[in-house]
Amino acid sequence: MEINGKAHLLFEQSGTFKREFAKLGIPAQDYDIQNNFGETDHQIDLFAEIEKAFVGGVAYLMLSRRMI
């Protein structure tokens, strides 16, 4: 399998998976509400962002997708 671009990892354990992707040479970004270890790339409330998108609002993830 070939992965082009970045892996985007959501929710718990995203930092763990980000490190594993890095070992494989695949860049990754993680999104989480917590940043306990100072390694989270995007600290956001994912459930709130999903809710905003569901009710027709503009969610952070939708905006950031345009910048990738």
Protein backbone atom coordinates (compact mmCIF):
# COMPACT_ATOMS: atom_id res chain seq x y z
CA MET A 1 0.00 0.00 0.00
CA GLU A 2 1.24 3.49 -0.80
CA ILE A 3 0.10 6.53 1.16
CA ASN A 4 0.47 9.89 -0.51
CA GLY A 5 0.24 13.01 1.64
CA LYS A 6 -0.33 12.95 5.38
CA ALA A 7 -2.25 10.65 7.69
CA HIS A 8 -4.79 12.51 9.83
CA LEU A 9 -5.37 10.84 13.19
CA LEU A 10 -8.35 11.60 15.40
CA PHE A 11 -9.23 11.01 19.04
CA GLU A 12 -7.47 8.94 21.70
CA GLN A 13 -4.10 7.35 21.03
CA SER A 14 -3.57 9.61 18.00
CA GLY A 15 -0.07 10.51 19.23
CA THR A 16 0.87 6.84 19.48
CA PHE A 17 -0.25 6.20 15.93
CA LYS A 18 1.49 9.39 14.73
CA ARG A 19 4.81 8.06 16.05
CA GLU A 20 4.23 4.69 14.34
CA PHE A 21 3.47 6.38 11.02
CA ALA A 22 6.69 8.40 11.44
CA LYS A 23 8.65 5.15 11.85
CA LEU A 24 7.27 4.11 8.46
CA GLY A 25 8.25 7.43 6.92
CA ILE A 26 4.67 8.67 6.61
CA PRO A 27 3.98 12.20 7.90
CA ALA A 28 0.96 12.48 10.18
CA GLN A 29 -1.05 15.11 12.05
CA ASP A 30 -3.03 14.34 15.17
CA TYR A 31 -6.17 16.04 16.46
CA ASP A 32 -7.25 15.73 20.10
CA ILE A 33 -8.92 17.69 22.88
CA GLN A 34 -5.98 17.08 25.20
CA ASN A 35 -2.31 17.86 24.86
CA ASN A 36 -0.95 16.26 28.02
CA PHE A 37 2.46 15.49 26.53
CA GLY A 38 2.88 18.65 24.43
CA GLU A 39 2.89 16.68 21.16
CA THR A 40 -0.64 17.20 19.81
CA ASP A 41 -0.59 19.02 16.47
CA HIS A 42 -4.16 20.36 16.63
CA GLN A 43 -5.80 20.68 20.03
CA ILE A 44 -9.54 20.93 19.37
CA ASP A 45 -12.82 19.51 20.69
CA LEU A 46 -13.57 17.02 17.92
CA PHE A 47 -17.09 16.28 19.15
CA ALA A 48 -17.97 19.99 19.06
CA GLU A 49 -16.51 20.27 15.54
CA ILE A 50 -18.54 17.28 14.35
CA GLU A 51 -21.68 18.79 15.87
CA LYS A 52 -21.02 22.14 14.13
CA ALA A 53 -20.60 20.43 10.78
CA PHE A 54 -23.71 18.31 11.36
CA VAL A 55 -25.92 21.36 11.94
CA GLY A 56 -24.55 23.14 8.88
CA GLY A 57 -21.78 25.18 10.45
CA VAL A 58 -18.20 25.42 9.30
CA ALA A 59 -15.99 23.10 11.29
CA TYR A 60 -12.25 23.56 11.91
CA LEU A 61 -11.47 20.32 10.11
CA MET A 62 -13.35 21.51 7.03
CA LEU A 63 -11.35 24.75 7.00
CA SER A 64 -8.01 23.10 7.61
CA ARG A 65 -8.63 20.59 4.81
CA ARG A 66 -8.36 23.47 2.32
CA MET A 67 -4.90 24.32 3.65
CA ILE A 68 -3.47 20.80 3.32
